[in-house]
N, C-alpha and C. Protein backbone atom coordinates (compact mmCIF):
# COMPACT_ATOMS: atom_id res chain seq x y z
N UNK A 1 0.68 -1.28 0.20
CA UNK A 1 -0.05 0.03 -0.17
C UNK A 1 1.04 1.36 0.11
N UNK A 2 1.90 1.19 0.86
CA UNK A 2 2.67 2.27 0.94
C UNK A 2 3.50 2.68 -0.42
N UNK A 3 3.75 1.60 -1.37
CA UNK A 3 4.19 1.76 -2.39
C UNK A 3 3.20 2.37 -3.67
N UNK A 4 1.88 2.09 -3.40
CA UNK A 4 0.84 2.75 -4.56
C UNK A 4 0.80 4.06 -4.09
N UNK A 5 0.95 4.45 -2.88
CA UNK A 5 0.88 6.00 -2.42
C UNK A 5 1.76 6.75 -3.04
N UNK A 6 3.03 6.01 -3.21
CA UNK A 6 4.22 6.87 -3.73
C UNK A 6 4.36 7.04 -5.23
N UNK A 7 3.77 6.03 -5.83
CA UNK A 7 3.56 6.02 -7.32
C UNK A 7 2.54 6.91 -7.69
N UNK A 8 1.61 6.94 -7.06
CA UNK A 8 0.09 8.25 -7.33
C UNK A 8 0.87 9.53 -7.08
N UNK A 9 1.46 9.54 -5.89
CA UNK A 9 2.28 10.93 -5.59
C UNK A 9 3.05 11.38 -6.57
N UNK A 10 4.07 10.57 -7.10
CA UNK A 10 5.04 11.13 -8.09
C UNK A 10 4.17 11.08 -9.19
N UNK A 11 3.20 10.45 -9.80
CA UNK A 11 2.60 10.60 -11.13
C UNK A 11 1.86 11.95 -10.89
N UNK A 12 1.22 12.42 -9.97
CA UNK A 12 0.57 13.72 -9.76
C UNK A 12 1.73 14.92 -9.92
N UNK A 13 2.80 14.37 -9.40
CA UNK A 13 3.88 15.48 -9.44
C UNK A 13 4.28 15.88 -10.77
N UNK A 14 4.52 14.48 -11.56
CA UNK A 14 4.94 14.68 -12.91
C UNK A 14 3.83 15.20 -13.81
N UNK A 15 2.73 15.17 -13.44
CA UNK A 15 1.78 15.76 -14.25
C UNK A 15 1.71 17.12 -14.06
N UNK A 16 2.00 17.55 -12.84
CA UNK A 16 1.86 19.12 -12.20
C UNK A 16 3.01 19.76 -13.08
N UNK A 17 4.20 19.17 -12.88
CA UNK A 17 5.54 19.46 -13.56
C UNK A 17 5.34 19.93 -15.10
N UNK A 18 4.63 18.91 -15.64
CA UNK A 18 4.52 18.96 -17.20
C UNK A 18 3.32 20.14 -17.43
N UNK A 19 2.37 20.15 -16.69
CA UNK A 19 1.64 21.26 -16.97
C UNK A 19 2.12 22.83 -16.71
N UNK A 20 3.14 22.76 -15.73
CA UNK A 20 3.53 24.23 -15.39
C UNK A 20 4.63 24.47 -16.38
N UNK A 21 5.47 23.42 -16.89
CA UNK A 21 6.51 23.57 -18.22
C UNK A 21 5.63 23.82 -19.29
N UNK A 22 4.25 23.56 -19.80
CA UNK A 22 3.63 23.65 -20.97
C UNK A 22 3.10 25.11 -20.76
N UNK A 23 2.58 25.57 -19.71
CA UNK A 23 2.12 26.99 -19.42
C UNK A 23 3.25 27.79 -19.70
N UNK A 24 4.23 27.54 -19.13
CA UNK A 24 5.54 28.52 -19.22
C UNK A 24 5.86 28.66 -20.65
N UNK A 25 6.15 27.58 -21.50
CA UNK A 25 6.45 27.67 -22.77
C UNK A 25 5.37 28.42 -23.72
N UNK A 26 4.27 28.39 -23.24
CA UNK A 26 3.06 28.97 -24.10
C UNK A 26 3.13 30.52 -23.90
N UNK A 27 3.67 31.05 -22.56
CA UNK A 27 3.76 32.27 -22.44
C UNK A 27 5.09 32.95 -22.96
N UNK A 28 6.17 32.23 -23.23
CA UNK A 28 7.49 32.89 -23.66
C UNK A 28 7.47 33.60 -24.89
N UNK A 29 6.98 32.87 -25.69
CA UNK A 29 6.88 33.47 -27.21
C UNK A 29 6.11 34.89 -26.82
N UNK A 30 5.10 34.97 -26.30
CA UNK A 30 4.57 36.54 -26.10
C UNK A 30 5.40 37.29 -25.50
N UNK A 31 5.92 37.00 -24.50
CA UNK A 31 7.09 37.83 -23.85
C UNK A 31 8.16 38.31 -24.93
N UNK A 32 8.64 37.34 -25.66
CA UNK A 32 9.71 38.00 -26.77
C UNK A 32 8.91 38.88 -27.72
N UNK A 33 7.78 38.36 -28.13
CA UNK A 33 6.92 39.45 -29.00
C UNK A 33 6.74 40.76 -28.62
N UNK A 34 6.27 40.93 -27.10
CA UNK A 34 6.16 42.37 -26.52
C UNK A 34 7.48 43.09 -26.44
N UNK A 35 8.67 42.34 -26.35
CA UNK A 35 10.08 43.17 -26.30
C UNK A 35 10.44 43.48 -27.50
N UNK A 36 10.03 42.98 -28.67
CA UNK A 36 10.56 43.19 -30.00
C UNK A 36 9.96 44.65 -30.56
N UNK A 37 8.85 45.05 -30.18
CA UNK A 37 8.28 46.37 -30.66
C UNK A 37 8.95 47.41 -29.73
N UNK A 38 9.29 47.10 -28.53
CA UNK A 38 9.83 48.10 -27.69
C UNK A 38 11.15 48.33 -27.92
N UNK A 39 11.80 47.32 -28.54
CA UNK A 39 13.43 47.63 -29.00
C UNK A 39 13.41 48.38 -30.27
N UNK A 40 12.58 48.09 -31.35
CA UNK A 40 12.57 49.20 -32.37
C UNK A 40 12.27 50.37 -32.21
N UNK A 41 11.20 50.49 -31.18
CA UNK A 41 10.68 51.80 -30.65
C UNK A 41 11.58 52.60 -30.04
N UNK A 42 12.60 52.04 -29.42
CA UNK A 42 13.94 52.70 -28.88
C UNK A 42 14.73 53.09 -29.83
N UNK A 43 15.09 52.18 -30.93
CA UNK A 43 15.97 52.60 -31.99
C UNK A 43 15.29 53.88 -32.73
N UNK A 44 13.78 53.75 -32.90
CA UNK A 44 13.26 54.92 -33.54
C UNK A 44 13.33 56.41 -32.91
N UNK A 45 13.46 56.10 -31.49
CA UNK A 45 13.39 57.36 -30.78
C UNK A 45 14.78 57.99 -30.53
N UNK A 46 15.89 57.53 -31.34
CA UNK A 46 17.18 58.05 -31.08
C UNK A 46 17.17 59.75 -31.24
N UNK A 47 17.75 60.59 -30.64
CA UNK A 47 17.57 61.81 -30.55
C UNK A 47 18.65 62.30 -31.53
N UNK A 48 18.37 63.13 -32.66
CA UNK A 48 19.24 63.72 -33.66
C UNK A 48 20.05 64.97 -33.11
N UNK A 49 21.33 64.91 -32.81
CA UNK A 49 22.16 66.12 -32.35
C UNK A 49 22.04 67.26 -33.28
N UNK A 50 21.83 67.00 -34.64
CA UNK A 50 21.79 68.46 -35.45
C UNK A 50 20.51 69.00 -35.68
N UNK A 51 19.45 68.26 -34.90
CA UNK A 51 18.03 69.21 -34.93
C UNK A 51 17.42 69.37 -33.32
N UNK A 52 18.03 68.66 -32.40
CA UNK A 52 17.36 68.35 -31.22
C UNK A 52 17.22 69.87 -30.61
N UNK A 53 16.37 70.02 -29.88
CA UNK A 53 15.99 71.53 -29.07
C UNK A 53 16.70 71.52 -27.82
N UNK A 54 17.10 72.48 -27.02
CA UNK A 54 17.88 72.46 -26.09
C UNK A 54 17.15 71.70 -24.89
N UNK A 55 15.80 71.86 -24.72
CA UNK A 55 15.13 70.97 -24.03
C UNK A 55 15.24 69.65 -24.38
N UNK A 56 15.35 69.03 -25.28
CA UNK A 56 15.24 67.59 -25.57
C UNK A 56 16.90 67.19 -25.11
N UNK A 57 17.88 67.90 -25.48
CA UNK A 57 18.98 67.75 -25.38
C UNK A 57 19.56 67.64 -23.55
N UNK A 58 18.77 68.58 -22.96
CA UNK A 58 18.98 68.63 -21.49
C UNK A 58 18.38 67.41 -20.85
N UNK A 59 17.42 66.72 -21.38
CA UNK A 59 16.94 65.50 -20.88
C UNK A 59 17.65 64.43 -20.89
N UNK A 60 18.58 64.36 -21.60
CA UNK A 60 19.55 63.21 -21.72
C UNK A 60 20.33 63.34 -20.62
N UNK A 61 20.97 61.92 -20.01
CA UNK A 61 21.57 62.03 -18.93
C UNK A 61 23.19 62.49 -19.11
N UNK A 62 23.25 63.29 -18.06
CA UNK A 62 24.57 63.86 -17.61
C UNK A 62 24.78 65.34 -18.81
N UNK A 63 23.61 65.74 -19.29
CA UNK A 63 23.90 66.92 -19.89
C UNK A 63 22.75 68.04 -19.39
N UNK A 64 23.42 68.78 -18.98
CA UNK A 64 22.72 70.25 -18.39
C UNK A 64 22.56 71.27 -19.35
N UNK A 65 22.10 72.45 -18.94
CA UNK A 65 22.20 73.56 -19.90
C UNK A 65 23.37 74.07 -20.54
N UNK A 66 24.69 73.80 -19.85
CA UNK A 66 25.87 74.20 -20.43
C UNK A 66 26.37 73.31 -21.47
N UNK A 67 26.00 72.11 -21.19
CA UNK A 67 26.42 70.93 -22.52
C UNK A 67 25.52 71.16 -23.42
N UNK A 68 23.98 71.09 -23.18
CA UNK A 68 23.17 71.41 -24.48
C UNK A 68 23.47 72.55 -25.18
N UNK A 69 23.87 73.67 -24.56
CA UNK A 69 24.29 74.81 -25.46
C UNK A 69 25.60 74.57 -26.22
N UNK A 70 26.39 73.87 -25.80
CA UNK A 70 27.76 73.65 -26.50
C UNK A 70 27.49 72.67 -27.51
N UNK A 71 26.35 71.63 -27.28
CA UNK A 71 26.03 70.78 -28.34
C UNK A 71 25.56 71.76 -29.64
N UNK A 72 24.69 72.70 -29.29
CA UNK A 72 23.83 73.46 -30.38
C UNK A 72 24.84 74.36 -31.03
N UNK A 73 26.11 75.07 -30.21
CA UNK A 73 26.80 75.80 -30.71
C UNK A 73 27.80 75.07 -31.79
N UNK A 74 28.00 73.71 -31.66
CA UNK A 74 29.02 73.04 -32.33
C UNK A 74 28.30 72.36 -33.77
N UNK A 75 27.21 72.51 -33.74
CA UNK A 75 26.54 72.08 -35.00
C UNK A 75 27.17 72.45 -36.32
N UNK A 76 27.02 71.91 -37.42
CA UNK A 76 26.46 70.55 -37.74
C UNK A 76 27.71 69.51 -37.10
N UNK A 77 27.26 68.11 -36.88
CA UNK A 77 28.15 67.07 -36.68
C UNK A 77 27.71 65.86 -37.67
N UNK A 78 28.99 65.56 -38.38
CA UNK A 78 28.84 64.56 -39.18
C UNK A 78 28.41 63.15 -38.59
N UNK A 79 28.93 62.99 -37.35
CA UNK A 79 28.89 61.88 -36.77
C UNK A 79 28.93 62.11 -35.31
N UNK A 80 28.31 61.23 -34.55
CA UNK A 80 28.00 61.53 -32.99
C UNK A 80 29.34 61.73 -32.21
N UNK A 81 30.38 61.02 -32.78
CA UNK A 81 31.50 61.06 -32.03
C UNK A 81 32.38 62.34 -32.23
N UNK A 82 31.82 63.11 -33.01
CA UNK A 82 32.47 64.65 -33.03
C UNK A 82 32.17 65.16 -31.57
N UNK A 83 31.29 64.90 -30.93
CA UNK A 83 31.10 65.45 -29.55
C UNK A 83 32.38 65.39 -28.80
N UNK A 84 33.27 64.12 -28.89
CA UNK A 84 34.44 64.12 -28.21
C UNK A 84 35.42 64.87 -29.13
N UNK A 85 35.47 64.53 -30.26
CA UNK A 85 36.63 64.99 -31.18
C UNK A 85 36.69 66.44 -30.96
N UNK A 86 35.45 67.10 -31.19
CA UNK A 86 35.43 68.74 -31.17
C UNK A 86 35.64 69.17 -29.63
N UNK A 87 35.72 68.07 -28.73
CA UNK A 87 35.73 68.57 -27.18
C UNK A 87 34.64 69.49 -26.79
N UNK A 88 33.45 68.80 -27.22
CA UNK A 88 32.21 69.36 -26.68
C UNK A 88 32.05 68.73 -25.58
N UNK A 89 32.02 67.53 -25.35
CA UNK A 89 31.79 66.57 -24.14
C UNK A 89 32.93 65.70 -23.76
N UNK A 90 33.16 65.72 -22.53
CA UNK A 90 34.27 64.66 -22.09
C UNK A 90 33.72 63.17 -22.47
N UNK A 91 34.70 62.40 -22.55
CA UNK A 91 34.31 60.81 -23.05
C UNK A 91 33.33 60.26 -21.79
N UNK A 92 33.46 60.45 -20.78
CA UNK A 92 32.29 59.70 -19.78
C UNK A 92 31.05 60.25 -19.92
N UNK A 93 30.84 61.56 -20.21
CA UNK A 93 29.51 61.95 -20.47
C UNK A 93 29.00 61.50 -21.77
N UNK A 94 30.02 61.33 -22.75
CA UNK A 94 29.52 60.86 -24.14
C UNK A 94 29.12 59.47 -23.95
N UNK A 95 29.61 58.73 -23.02
CA UNK A 95 29.25 57.29 -23.16
C UNK A 95 28.12 57.14 -22.43
N UNK A 96 27.64 58.06 -21.61
CA UNK A 96 26.05 57.95 -21.06
C UNK A 96 25.11 58.14 -22.27
N UNK A 97 25.49 58.94 -23.08
CA UNK A 97 24.49 59.37 -24.17
C UNK A 97 24.56 58.60 -25.51
N UNK A 98 25.84 57.90 -25.74
CA UNK A 98 26.32 57.44 -26.99
C UNK A 98 24.98 56.39 -27.58
N UNK A 99 24.26 55.87 -27.07
CA UNK A 99 23.21 54.93 -27.31
C UNK A 99 21.87 55.44 -27.43
N UNK A 100 21.79 56.81 -27.21
CA UNK A 100 20.65 57.44 -27.19
C UNK A 100 20.53 58.50 -28.13
N UNK A 101 21.75 58.88 -29.04
CA UNK A 101 21.76 59.96 -29.80
C UNK A 101 22.34 59.70 -31.33
N UNK A 102 21.97 60.29 -32.27
CA UNK A 102 22.49 60.13 -33.57
C UNK A 102 22.69 61.35 -34.35
N UNK A 103 23.62 61.37 -35.26
CA UNK A 103 23.94 62.61 -35.89
C UNK A 103 23.51 62.41 -37.32
N UNK A 104 22.09 62.76 -37.67
CA UNK A 104 21.81 62.24 -39.12
C UNK A 104 22.16 63.59 -40.08
N UNK A 105 22.59 63.12 -41.14
CA UNK A 105 22.86 64.27 -42.24
C UNK A 105 21.84 64.87 -42.90
N UNK A 106 21.89 66.02 -43.21
CA UNK A 106 20.65 66.55 -43.93
C UNK A 106 20.36 66.04 -45.34
N UNK A 107 19.42 65.87 -45.90
CA UNK A 107 19.09 65.20 -47.12
C UNK A 107 18.92 66.42 -48.01
N UNK A 108 18.89 67.67 -47.85
CA UNK A 108 18.79 68.79 -48.91
C UNK A 108 20.13 68.93 -49.50
N UNK A 109 20.07 69.09 -50.55
CA UNK A 109 21.40 69.31 -51.34
C UNK A 109 22.06 70.54 -50.83
N UNK A 110 23.50 70.41 -50.91
CA UNK A 110 24.28 71.79 -50.37
C UNK A 110 23.90 73.24 -51.40
N UNK A 111 23.73 74.17 -50.72
CA UNK A 111 23.67 75.39 -51.46
C UNK A 111 24.98 75.56 -52.35
N UNK A 112 24.78 75.70 -53.78
CA UNK A 112 25.85 76.00 -54.39
C UNK A 112 25.70 77.13 -55.19
N UNK A 113 26.71 77.88 -55.67
CA UNK A 113 26.63 79.18 -56.53
C UNK A 113 26.20 78.46 -57.86
N UNK A 114 25.36 79.63 -58.40
CA UNK A 114 24.99 79.08 -60.02
C UNK A 114 26.33 79.51 -60.81
N UNK A 115 26.32 78.77 -61.81
CA UNK A 115 27.48 79.16 -62.75
C UNK A 115 27.13 80.40 -63.53
N UNK A 116 28.32 80.99 -63.55
CA UNK A 116 28.26 82.37 -64.11
C UNK A 116 27.91 82.40 -65.69
N UNK A 117 27.26 83.15 -66.01
CA UNK A 117 26.67 83.27 -67.37
C UNK A 117 28.00 83.44 -68.61
N UNK A 118 27.84 82.62 -69.63
CA UNK A 118 28.96 82.64 -70.49
C UNK A 118 28.96 84.05 -71.23
N UNK A 119 27.79 84.82 -71.15
CA UNK A 119 27.67 86.02 -72.12
C UNK A 119 28.38 87.15 -71.23
N UNK A 120 28.93 88.09 -71.92
CA UNK A 120 29.39 89.29 -71.31
C UNK A 120 28.54 90.11 -70.38
N UNK A 121 29.04 90.45 -69.12
CA UNK A 121 27.85 90.91 -68.39
C UNK A 121 27.63 92.61 -68.82
N UNK A 122 28.24 93.00 -69.46
CA UNK A 122 27.82 94.40 -70.22
C UNK A 122 26.66 94.43 -71.47
N UNK A 123 26.66 93.20 -71.95
CA UNK A 123 25.51 92.94 -72.90
C UNK A 123 24.36 92.86 -72.71
N UNK A 124 23.13 93.49 -72.95
CA UNK A 124 21.65 93.22 -72.70
C UNK A 124 21.13 92.91 -74.10
N UNK A 125 20.07 92.05 -73.79
CA UNK A 125 19.40 91.44 -74.82
C UNK A 125 18.15 92.22 -75.10
């Protein structure tokens, strides 16, 4: 009789563990799916150093009014590492914000002078 009790007990334990494992496995993909949009949303919310306002820059960790004004005065940036290269920020402060910022290049064509007319300037039509 003692042996029957043990077999039943371990049988129930095995069933309970299987049920728990299947419930856990069923929830794991949902957690992974909920993290994916958050990760892509974080990438989409990178702050552009070339167009951010002073308030947006001040919200970054380690950036106060002084550093935000220095960042604005040092524009434009070709890459975000220009902050350290141009001595706008110390390396330790840059390390705090490096994953939060980006230096986008403007898509507008650079302003160029129009070529001079081939006709003499004094000649009128």
